[in-house]
Amino acid sequence: MMQSRRQGGAGGTPPYYSLRTDTYYHEDGVTAKAIKTYLLTYDQDNALVSEVLQ
């Protein structure tokens, strides 16, 4: 059983987005199965330090 996933970023300035959304699809590749959104936090050097599931 194969599952496909698409990632997207929003908010902030690329590539330092403040949100990441992962969309998981059913086997048909069209119907969304689950959507998970993460709040991204960076340090003063723009290194990713945390991803918190919202």
PDB file of N, CA and C in Angstrom:
ATOM      1  N   MET A   1       0.846  -1.167   0.000  1.00  0.00           N
ATOM      2  CA  MET A   1       0.000   0.000   0.000  1.00  0.00           C
ATOM      3  C   MET A   1       0.896   1.235   0.000  1.00  0.00           C
ATOM      4  N   MET A   2       0.836   2.007  -1.062  1.00  0.00           N
ATOM      5  CA  MET A   2       1.659   3.196  -1.171  1.00  0.00           C
ATOM      6  C   MET A   2       0.849   4.431  -0.783  1.00  0.00           C
ATOM      7  N   GLN A   3       1.490   5.345  -0.096  1.00  0.00           N
ATOM      8  CA  GLN A   3       0.832   6.578   0.332  1.00  0.00           C
ATOM      9  C   GLN A   3       1.652   7.744  -0.197  1.00  0.00           C
ATOM     10  N   SER A   4       0.996   8.734  -0.792  1.00  0.00           N
ATOM     11  CA  SER A   4       1.732   9.889  -1.277  1.00  0.00           C
ATOM     12  C   SER A   4       1.565  11.055  -0.318  1.00  0.00           C
ATOM     13  N   ARG A   5       2.540  11.980  -0.369  1.00  0.00           N
ATOM     14  CA  ARG A   5       2.530  13.123   0.533  1.00  0.00           C
ATOM     15  C   ARG A   5       3.024  14.343  -0.230  1.00  0.00           C
ATOM     16  N   ARG A   6       2.427  15.491   0.077  1.00  0.00           N
ATOM     17  CA  ARG A   6       2.876  16.750  -0.498  1.00  0.00           C
ATOM     18  C   ARG A   6       3.130  17.723   0.643  1.00  0.00           C
ATOM     19  N   GLN A   7       4.237  18.471   0.563  1.00  0.00           N
ATOM     20  CA  GLN A   7       4.592  19.449   1.584  1.00  0.00           C
ATOM     21  C   GLN A   7       4.474  20.845   1.012  1.00  0.00           C
ATOM     22  N   GLY A   8       4.099  21.787   1.888  1.00  0.00           N
ATOM     23  CA  GLY A   8       4.048  23.183   1.477  1.00  0.00           C
ATOM     24  C   GLY A   8       4.404  24.082   2.638  1.00  0.00           C
ATOM     25  N   GLY A   9       4.898  25.279   2.320  1.00  0.00           N
ATOM     26  CA  GLY A   9       5.248  26.241   3.357  1.00  0.00           C
ATOM     27  C   GLY A   9       4.408  27.493   3.219  1.00  0.00           C
ATOM     28  N   ALA A  10       4.250  28.213   4.333  1.00  0.00           N
ATOM     29  CA  ALA A  10       3.470  29.449   4.318  1.00  0.00           C
ATOM     30  C   ALA A  10       3.978  30.377   5.406  1.00  0.00           C
ATOM     31  N   GLY A  11       3.713  31.656   5.231  1.00  0.00           N
ATOM     32  CA  GLY A  11       4.126  32.651   6.216  1.00  0.00           C
ATOM     33  C   GLY A  11       5.640  32.814   6.214  1.00  0.00           C
ATOM     34  N   GLY A  12       6.132  33.899   6.729  1.00  0.00           N
ATOM     35  CA  GLY A  12       7.572  34.132   6.784  1.00  0.00           C
ATOM     36  C   GLY A  12       8.146  34.413   5.412  1.00  0.00           C
ATOM     37  N   THR A  13       9.460  34.353   5.313  1.00  0.00           N
ATOM     38  CA  THR A  13      10.171  34.623   4.070  1.00  0.00           C
ATOM     39  C   THR A  13      10.860  33.348   3.608  1.00  0.00           C
ATOM     40  N   PRO A  14      10.604  32.902   2.362  1.00  0.00           N
ATOM     41  CA  PRO A  14      11.233  31.678   1.875  1.00  0.00           C
ATOM     42  C   PRO A  14      12.754  31.763   2.006  1.00  0.00           C
ATOM     43  N   PRO A  15      13.456  30.722   2.378  1.00  0.00           N
ATOM     44  CA  PRO A  15      12.918  29.402   2.703  1.00  0.00           C
ATOM     45  C   PRO A  15      12.573  29.238   4.185  1.00  0.00           C
ATOM     46  N   TYR A  16      12.471  30.345   4.933  1.00  0.00           N
ATOM     47  CA  TYR A  16      12.222  30.287   6.378  1.00  0.00           C
ATOM     48  C   TYR A  16      10.740  30.479   6.680  1.00  0.00           C
ATOM     49  N   TYR A  17       9.943  29.535   6.258  1.00  0.00           N
ATOM     50  CA  TYR A  17       8.504  29.599   6.476  1.00  0.00           C
ATOM     51  C   TYR A  17       8.169  29.422   7.952  1.00  0.00           C
ATOM     52  N   SER A  18       7.051  30.005   8.386  1.00  0.00           N
ATOM     53  CA  SER A  18       6.632  29.857   9.782  1.00  0.00           C
ATOM     54  C   SER A  18       5.682  28.677   9.966  1.00  0.00           C
ATOM     55  N   LEU A  19       5.104  28.183   8.870  1.00  0.00           N
ATOM     56  CA  LEU A  19       4.210  27.018   8.920  1.00  0.00           C
ATOM     57  C   LEU A  19       4.598  26.025   7.841  1.00  0.00           C
ATOM     58  N   ARG A  20       4.457  24.741   8.164  1.00  0.00           N
ATOM     59  CA  ARG A  20       4.619  23.688   7.168  1.00  0.00           C
ATOM     60  C   ARG A  20       3.370  22.839   7.193  1.00  0.00           C
ATOM     61  N   THR A  21       2.815  22.571   6.028  1.00  0.00           N
ATOM     62  CA  THR A  21       1.629  21.731   5.923  1.00  0.00           C
ATOM     63  C   THR A  21       1.980  20.478   5.133  1.00  0.00           C
ATOM     64  N   ASP A  22       1.721  19.327   5.721  1.00  0.00           N
ATOM     65  CA  ASP A  22       1.906  18.043   5.045  1.00  0.00           C
ATOM     66  C   ASP A  22       0.526  17.486   4.725  1.00  0.00           C
ATOM     67  N   THR A  23       0.288  17.184   3.459  1.00  0.00           N
ATOM     68  CA  THR A  23      -0.979  16.596   3.039  1.00  0.00           C
ATOM     69  C   THR A  23      -0.718  15.161   2.604  1.00  0.00           C
ATOM     70  N   TYR A  24      -1.415  14.235   3.216  1.00  0.00           N
ATOM     71  CA  TYR A  24      -1.289  12.812   2.901  1.00  0.00           C
ATOM     72  C   TYR A  24      -2.506  12.398   2.082  1.00  0.00           C
ATOM     73  N   TYR A  25      -2.269  11.626   1.010  1.00  0.00           N
ATOM     74  CA  TYR A  25      -3.333  11.261   0.084  1.00  0.00           C
ATOM     75  C   TYR A  25      -3.634   9.773   0.109  1.00  0.00           C
ATOM     76  N   HIS A  26      -4.898   9.451  -0.224  1.00  0.00           N
ATOM     77  CA  HIS A  26      -5.300   8.057  -0.406  1.00  0.00           C
ATOM     78  C   HIS A  26      -4.568   7.499  -1.622  1.00  0.00           C
ATOM     79  N   GLU A  27      -4.700   6.230  -1.829  1.00  0.00           N
ATOM     80  CA  GLU A  27      -4.020   5.554  -2.931  1.00  0.00           C
ATOM     81  C   GLU A  27      -4.374   6.124  -4.295  1.00  0.00           C
ATOM     82  N   ASP A  28      -5.532   6.777  -4.421  1.00  0.00           N
ATOM     83  CA  ASP A  28      -5.904   7.347  -5.717  1.00  0.00           C
ATOM     84  C   ASP A  28      -5.065   8.573  -6.058  1.00  0.00           C
ATOM     85  N   GLY A  29      -4.323   9.101  -5.076  1.00  0.00           N
ATOM     86  CA  GLY A  29      -3.456  10.248  -5.308  1.00  0.00           C
ATOM     87  C   GLY A  29      -4.176  11.573  -5.424  1.00  0.00           C
ATOM     88  N   VAL A  30      -5.500  11.577  -5.250  1.00  0.00           N
ATOM     89  CA  VAL A  30      -6.298  12.791  -5.404  1.00  0.00           C
ATOM     90  C   VAL A  30      -6.980  13.180  -4.097  1.00  0.00           C
ATOM     91  N   THR A  31      -7.546  12.204  -3.428  1.00  0.00           N
ATOM     92  CA  THR A  31      -8.323  12.452  -2.216  1.00  0.00           C
ATOM     93  C   THR A  31      -7.408  12.584  -1.002  1.00  0.00           C
ATOM     94  N   ALA A  32      -7.516  13.726  -0.302  1.00  0.00           N
ATOM     95  CA  ALA A  32      -6.701  13.946   0.896  1.00  0.00           C
ATOM     96  C   ALA A  32      -7.165  13.017   2.012  1.00  0.00           C
ATOM     97  N   LYS A  33      -6.211  12.385   2.665  1.00  0.00           N
ATOM     98  CA  LYS A  33      -6.480  11.454   3.753  1.00  0.00           C
ATOM     99  C   LYS A  33      -6.288  12.152   5.098  1.00  0.00           C
ATOM    100  N   ALA A  34      -5.242  12.976   5.199  1.00  0.00           N
ATOM    101  CA  ALA A  34      -4.939  13.707   6.434  1.00  0.00           C
ATOM    102  C   ALA A  34      -4.115  14.937   6.087  1.00  0.00           C
ATOM    103  N   ILE A  35      -4.303  15.990   6.854  1.00  0.00           N
ATOM    104  CA  ILE A  35      -3.518  17.212   6.698  1.00  0.00           C
ATOM    105  C   ILE A  35      -2.955  17.566   8.068  1.00  0.00           C
ATOM    106  N   LYS A  36      -1.631  17.727   8.135  1.00  0.00           N
ATOM    107  CA  LYS A  36      -0.973  18.083   9.392  1.00  0.00           C
ATOM    108  C   LYS A  36      -0.225  19.397   9.194  1.00  0.00           C
ATOM    109  N   THR A  37      -0.408  20.329  10.129  1.00  0.00           N
ATOM    110  CA  THR A  37       0.247  21.629  10.063  1.00  0.00           C
ATOM    111  C   THR A  37       1.206  21.767  11.237  1.00  0.00           C
ATOM    112  N   TYR A  38       2.408  22.233  10.948  1.00  0.00           N
ATOM    113  CA  TYR A  38       3.452  22.396  11.957  1.00  0.00           C
ATOM    114  C   TYR A  38       3.872  23.859  12.035  1.00  0.00           C
ATOM    115  N   LEU A  39       4.055  24.373  13.260  1.00  0.00           N
ATOM    116  CA  LEU A  39       4.602  25.702  13.494  1.00  0.00           C
ATOM    117  C   LEU A  39       6.116  25.560  13.549  1.00  0.00           C
ATOM    118  N   LEU A  40       6.830  26.303  12.695  1.00  0.00           N
ATOM    119  CA  LEU A  40       8.282  26.208  12.609  1.00  0.00           C
ATOM    120  C   LEU A  40       8.919  27.376  13.348  1.00  0.00           C
ATOM    121  N   THR A  41       9.983  27.094  14.101  1.00  0.00           N
ATOM    122  CA  THR A  41      10.705  28.124  14.842  1.00  0.00           C
ATOM    123  C   THR A  41      12.182  28.046  14.486  1.00  0.00           C
ATOM    124  N   TYR A  42      12.806  29.215  14.297  1.00  0.00           N
ATOM    125  CA  TYR A  42      14.210  29.307  13.910  1.00  0.00           C
ATOM    126  C   TYR A  42      14.993  30.081  14.958  1.00  0.00           C
ATOM    127  N   ASP A  43      16.310  29.819  15.040  1.00  0.00           N
ATOM    128  CA  ASP A  43      17.158  30.599  15.938  1.00  0.00           C
ATOM    129  C   ASP A  43      17.688  31.831  15.203  1.00  0.00           C
ATOM    130  N   GLN A  44      18.571  32.597  15.855  1.00  0.00           N
ATOM    131  CA  GLN A  44      19.076  33.839  15.278  1.00  0.00           C
ATOM    132  C   GLN A  44      19.909  33.613  14.022  1.00  0.00           C
ATOM    133  N   ASP A  45      20.379  32.382  13.792  1.00  0.00           N
ATOM    134  CA  ASP A  45      21.145  32.052  12.590  1.00  0.00           C
ATOM    135  C   ASP A  45      20.270  31.419  11.508  1.00  0.00           C
ATOM    136  N   ASN A  46      18.959  31.480  11.705  1.00  0.00           N
ATOM    137  CA  ASN A  46      17.976  30.903  10.777  1.00  0.00           C
ATOM    138  C   ASN A  46      18.064  29.387  10.664  1.00  0.00           C
ATOM    139  N   ALA A  47      18.569  28.740  11.703  1.00  0.00           N
ATOM    140  CA  ALA A  47      18.570  27.275  11.751  1.00  0.00           C
ATOM    141  C   ALA A  47      17.250  26.832  12.382  1.00  0.00           C
ATOM    142  N   LEU A  48      16.606  25.860  11.779  1.00  0.00           N
ATOM    143  CA  LEU A  48      15.351  25.338  12.308  1.00  0.00           C
ATOM    144  C   LEU A  48      15.596  24.700  13.672  1.00  0.00           C
ATOM    145  N   VAL A  49      14.843  25.137  14.695  1.00  0.00           N
ATOM    146  CA  VAL A  49      15.040  24.587  16.039  1.00  0.00           C
ATOM    147  C   VAL A  49      13.844  23.791  16.537  1.00  0.00           C
ATOM    148  N   SER A  50      12.646  24.023  15.958  1.00  0.00           N
ATOM    149  CA  SER A  50      11.500  23.220  16.396  1.00  0.00           C
ATOM    150  C   SER A  50      10.408  23.190  15.343  1.00  0.00           C
ATOM    151  N   GLU A  51       9.655  22.098  15.371  1.00  0.00           N
ATOM    152  CA  GLU A  51       8.461  21.909  14.560  1.00  0.00           C
ATOM    153  C   GLU A  51       7.388  21.396  15.512  1.00  0.00           C
ATOM    154  N   VAL A  52       6.339  22.180  15.711  1.00  0.00           N
ATOM    155  CA  VAL A  52       5.292  21.807  16.663  1.00  0.00           C
ATOM    156  C   VAL A  52       3.999  21.545  15.898  1.00  0.00           C
ATOM    157  N   LEU A  53       3.470  20.335  16.045  1.00  0.00           N
ATOM    158  CA  LEU A  53       2.216  19.969  15.403  1.00  0.00           C
ATOM    159  C   LEU A  53       1.099  20.827  15.972  1.00  0.00           C
ATOM    160  N   GLN A  54       0.325  21.450  15.106  1.00  0.00           N
ATOM    161  CA  GLN A  54      -0.762  22.336  15.530  1.00  0.00           C
ATOM    162  C   GLN A  54      -2.080  21.603  15.557  1.00  0.00           C
TER     163      GLN A  54
END
